[in-house]
Amino acid sequence: MNPKLGPMKYQLNDRVVFKFQDEVLKGRIVVADFGGSLEMLGKCHSYDLRCQRMGQGWLIKHVPENDIIGFQAGQA
């Protein structure tokens, strides 16, 4: 584990805006992986997000913290 990662910027249930493929989506954090998922272990924190995409509910897993743009409007 990389001790230089610092604390996670986001917490469970935060509503955020994030990049996924070529889209910008809005979602809610349902899992927060300190230090990242297995494929990025120790490189960055990651999150699993629930969102609406193409008219359906999606669970997008292992979103790197750097792909989260920030909080949705009205959140902080």
N, C-alpha and C. Protein backbone atom coordinates (compact mmCIF):
# COMPACT_ATOMS: atom_id res chain seq x y z
N MET A 1 0.85 -1.19 0.00
CA MET A 1 0.00 0.00 0.00
C MET A 1 0.89 1.24 0.00
N ASN A 2 0.50 2.22 -0.76
CA ASN A 2 1.27 3.45 -0.89
C ASN A 2 0.82 4.45 0.16
N PRO A 3 1.66 4.75 1.17
CA PRO A 3 1.25 5.69 2.21
C PRO A 3 1.12 7.13 1.71
N LYS A 4 1.61 7.42 0.51
CA LYS A 4 1.54 8.77 -0.03
C LYS A 4 0.20 9.07 -0.70
N LEU A 5 -0.71 8.10 -0.75
CA LEU A 5 -2.01 8.33 -1.38
C LEU A 5 -2.84 9.37 -0.64
N GLY A 6 -2.69 9.44 0.64
CA GLY A 6 -3.48 10.38 1.42
C GLY A 6 -4.90 9.90 1.61
N PRO A 7 -5.73 10.73 2.25
CA PRO A 7 -7.12 10.33 2.50
C PRO A 7 -7.94 10.34 1.21
N MET A 8 -9.02 9.60 1.24
CA MET A 8 -9.94 9.57 0.11
C MET A 8 -10.69 10.90 0.04
N LYS A 9 -10.92 11.39 -1.18
CA LYS A 9 -11.62 12.67 -1.37
C LYS A 9 -13.12 12.53 -1.23
N TYR A 10 -13.65 11.32 -1.46
CA TYR A 10 -15.10 11.12 -1.50
C TYR A 10 -15.48 9.99 -0.55
N GLN A 11 -16.75 9.98 -0.13
CA GLN A 11 -17.25 9.00 0.82
C GLN A 11 -18.49 8.31 0.26
N LEU A 12 -18.89 7.23 0.92
CA LEU A 12 -20.11 6.52 0.54
C LEU A 12 -21.29 7.49 0.47
N ASN A 13 -22.12 7.30 -0.52
CA ASN A 13 -23.35 8.07 -0.76
C ASN A 13 -23.12 9.48 -1.30
N ASP A 14 -21.85 9.90 -1.48
CA ASP A 14 -21.62 11.19 -2.13
C ASP A 14 -22.15 11.11 -3.55
N ARG A 15 -22.76 12.18 -4.00
CA ARG A 15 -23.24 12.28 -5.38
C ARG A 15 -22.20 13.07 -6.17
N VAL A 16 -21.67 12.43 -7.20
CA VAL A 16 -20.54 12.99 -7.93
C VAL A 16 -20.77 13.00 -9.43
N VAL A 17 -19.93 13.77 -10.12
CA VAL A 17 -19.86 13.80 -11.57
C VAL A 17 -18.54 13.12 -11.93
N PHE A 18 -18.57 12.21 -12.92
CA PHE A 18 -17.36 11.46 -13.25
C PHE A 18 -17.28 11.15 -14.73
N LYS A 19 -16.05 10.83 -15.16
CA LYS A 19 -15.81 10.46 -16.56
C LYS A 19 -15.87 8.94 -16.67
N PHE A 20 -16.54 8.45 -17.71
CA PHE A 20 -16.57 7.02 -18.01
C PHE A 20 -16.56 6.88 -19.52
N GLN A 21 -15.51 6.28 -20.04
CA GLN A 21 -15.29 6.18 -21.47
C GLN A 21 -15.32 7.60 -22.05
N ASP A 22 -16.20 7.89 -22.99
CA ASP A 22 -16.24 9.23 -23.58
C ASP A 22 -17.39 10.07 -23.03
N GLU A 23 -17.92 9.69 -21.87
CA GLU A 23 -19.08 10.38 -21.31
C GLU A 23 -18.76 11.02 -19.97
N VAL A 24 -19.56 12.00 -19.63
CA VAL A 24 -19.56 12.56 -18.28
C VAL A 24 -20.90 12.20 -17.68
N LEU A 25 -20.87 11.50 -16.54
CA LEU A 25 -22.09 10.98 -15.91
C LEU A 25 -22.21 11.49 -14.49
N LYS A 26 -23.42 11.40 -13.95
CA LYS A 26 -23.68 11.70 -12.54
C LYS A 26 -24.01 10.39 -11.85
N GLY A 27 -23.49 10.21 -10.63
CA GLY A 27 -23.76 8.98 -9.92
C GLY A 27 -23.58 9.12 -8.42
N ARG A 28 -23.81 8.02 -7.73
CA ARG A 28 -23.68 7.97 -6.27
C ARG A 28 -22.67 6.90 -5.91
N ILE A 29 -21.76 7.22 -5.00
CA ILE A 29 -20.74 6.27 -4.58
C ILE A 29 -21.37 5.21 -3.68
N VAL A 30 -21.18 3.92 -4.05
CA VAL A 30 -21.72 2.82 -3.25
C VAL A 30 -20.61 1.96 -2.64
N VAL A 31 -19.39 2.05 -3.18
CA VAL A 31 -18.23 1.35 -2.61
C VAL A 31 -17.03 2.28 -2.75
N ALA A 32 -16.23 2.37 -1.69
CA ALA A 32 -15.01 3.16 -1.73
C ALA A 32 -13.85 2.22 -1.39
N ASP A 33 -12.92 2.05 -2.34
CA ASP A 33 -11.77 1.14 -2.17
C ASP A 33 -10.52 1.95 -1.84
N PHE A 34 -10.14 1.98 -0.56
CA PHE A 34 -8.92 2.69 -0.17
C PHE A 34 -7.73 2.00 -0.82
N GLY A 35 -6.95 2.74 -1.54
CA GLY A 35 -5.78 2.17 -2.21
C GLY A 35 -6.11 1.53 -3.53
N GLY A 36 -7.37 1.54 -3.94
CA GLY A 36 -7.76 1.04 -5.25
C GLY A 36 -8.15 -0.41 -5.28
N SER A 37 -8.69 -0.81 -6.41
CA SER A 37 -9.06 -2.20 -6.65
C SER A 37 -7.81 -2.98 -7.02
N LEU A 38 -7.93 -4.27 -7.21
CA LEU A 38 -6.75 -5.11 -7.44
C LEU A 38 -5.89 -4.67 -8.61
N GLU A 39 -6.51 -4.27 -9.72
CA GLU A 39 -5.71 -3.90 -10.89
C GLU A 39 -4.95 -2.58 -10.71
N MET A 40 -5.35 -1.76 -9.75
CA MET A 40 -4.65 -0.49 -9.52
C MET A 40 -4.16 -0.37 -8.08
N LEU A 41 -4.04 -1.47 -7.39
CA LEU A 41 -3.73 -1.50 -5.97
C LEU A 41 -2.51 -0.65 -5.63
N GLY A 42 -2.71 0.28 -4.74
CA GLY A 42 -1.64 1.13 -4.26
C GLY A 42 -1.34 2.33 -5.15
N LYS A 43 -1.98 2.41 -6.32
CA LYS A 43 -1.71 3.53 -7.24
C LYS A 43 -2.67 4.70 -7.01
N CYS A 44 -3.93 4.39 -6.72
CA CYS A 44 -4.92 5.43 -6.46
C CYS A 44 -6.14 4.80 -5.80
N HIS A 45 -6.93 5.63 -5.15
CA HIS A 45 -8.20 5.17 -4.59
C HIS A 45 -9.18 4.96 -5.75
N SER A 46 -10.17 4.09 -5.53
CA SER A 46 -11.19 3.89 -6.56
C SER A 46 -12.56 3.74 -5.91
N TYR A 47 -13.59 3.85 -6.75
CA TYR A 47 -14.96 3.86 -6.27
C TYR A 47 -15.86 3.07 -7.22
N ASP A 48 -16.92 2.50 -6.67
CA ASP A 48 -17.98 1.91 -7.48
C ASP A 48 -19.15 2.88 -7.42
N LEU A 49 -19.73 3.18 -8.58
CA LEU A 49 -20.76 4.20 -8.68
C LEU A 49 -22.03 3.66 -9.33
N ARG A 50 -23.18 4.02 -8.77
CA ARG A 50 -24.48 3.74 -9.40
C ARG A 50 -24.88 4.99 -10.17
N CYS A 51 -25.37 4.76 -11.39
CA CYS A 51 -25.77 5.90 -12.22
C CYS A 51 -26.82 5.45 -13.22
N GLN A 52 -27.36 6.41 -13.94
CA GLN A 52 -28.27 6.16 -15.05
C GLN A 52 -27.49 6.38 -16.34
N ARG A 53 -27.55 5.39 -17.23
CA ARG A 53 -26.84 5.48 -18.50
C ARG A 53 -27.69 4.76 -19.55
N MET A 54 -27.92 5.42 -20.66
CA MET A 54 -28.71 4.84 -21.73
C MET A 54 -30.09 4.39 -21.24
N GLY A 55 -30.66 5.17 -20.31
CA GLY A 55 -31.99 4.88 -19.81
C GLY A 55 -32.09 3.73 -18.83
N GLN A 56 -30.96 3.21 -18.38
CA GLN A 56 -30.96 2.09 -17.44
C GLN A 56 -30.06 2.39 -16.24
N GLY A 57 -30.32 1.68 -15.15
CA GLY A 57 -29.45 1.79 -13.98
C GLY A 57 -28.18 0.98 -14.19
N TRP A 58 -27.05 1.58 -13.90
CA TRP A 58 -25.75 0.92 -14.07
C TRP A 58 -24.97 0.95 -12.75
N LEU A 59 -24.12 -0.05 -12.57
CA LEU A 59 -23.11 -0.06 -11.52
C LEU A 59 -21.77 -0.06 -12.24
N ILE A 60 -21.04 1.01 -12.12
CA ILE A 60 -19.74 1.11 -12.76
C ILE A 60 -18.68 0.95 -11.68
N LYS A 61 -17.85 -0.07 -11.84
CA LYS A 61 -16.90 -0.46 -10.80
C LYS A 61 -15.50 0.06 -11.09
N HIS A 62 -14.76 0.28 -10.01
CA HIS A 62 -13.34 0.61 -10.05
C HIS A 62 -13.03 1.91 -10.78
N VAL A 63 -13.85 2.93 -10.55
CA VAL A 63 -13.59 4.24 -11.15
C VAL A 63 -12.45 4.89 -10.37
N PRO A 64 -11.33 5.20 -11.03
CA PRO A 64 -10.22 5.85 -10.32
C PRO A 64 -10.63 7.22 -9.78
N GLU A 65 -10.08 7.58 -8.64
CA GLU A 65 -10.42 8.86 -8.03
C GLU A 65 -10.18 10.03 -9.00
N ASN A 66 -9.16 9.94 -9.82
CA ASN A 66 -8.86 11.02 -10.77
C ASN A 66 -9.91 11.16 -11.86
N ASP A 67 -10.77 10.16 -12.06
CA ASP A 67 -11.84 10.25 -13.06
C ASP A 67 -13.10 10.90 -12.49
N ILE A 68 -13.09 11.19 -11.19
CA ILE A 68 -14.22 11.90 -10.59
C ILE A 68 -13.93 13.38 -10.68
N ILE A 69 -14.83 14.09 -11.35
CA ILE A 69 -14.65 15.52 -11.59
C ILE A 69 -14.94 16.33 -10.34
N GLY A 70 -15.95 15.93 -9.59
CA GLY A 70 -16.31 16.63 -8.37
C GLY A 70 -17.71 16.26 -7.93
N PHE A 71 -18.19 17.00 -6.97
CA PHE A 71 -19.54 16.77 -6.43
C PHE A 71 -20.58 17.29 -7.41
N GLN A 72 -21.76 16.66 -7.41
CA GLN A 72 -22.88 17.18 -8.18
C GLN A 72 -23.28 18.52 -7.58
N ALA A 73 -23.88 19.37 -8.37
CA ALA A 73 -24.33 20.68 -7.89
C ALA A 73 -25.21 20.50 -6.65
N GLY A 74 -24.96 21.30 -5.65
CA GLY A 74 -25.73 21.23 -4.41
C GLY A 74 -25.16 20.25 -3.40
N GLN A 75 -24.08 19.55 -3.74
CA GLN A 75 -23.43 18.59 -2.84
C GLN A 75 -22.09 19.18 -2.39
N ALA A 76 -21.62 18.76 -1.23
CA ALA A 76 -20.29 19.16 -0.78
C ALA A 76 -19.86 18.36 0.41
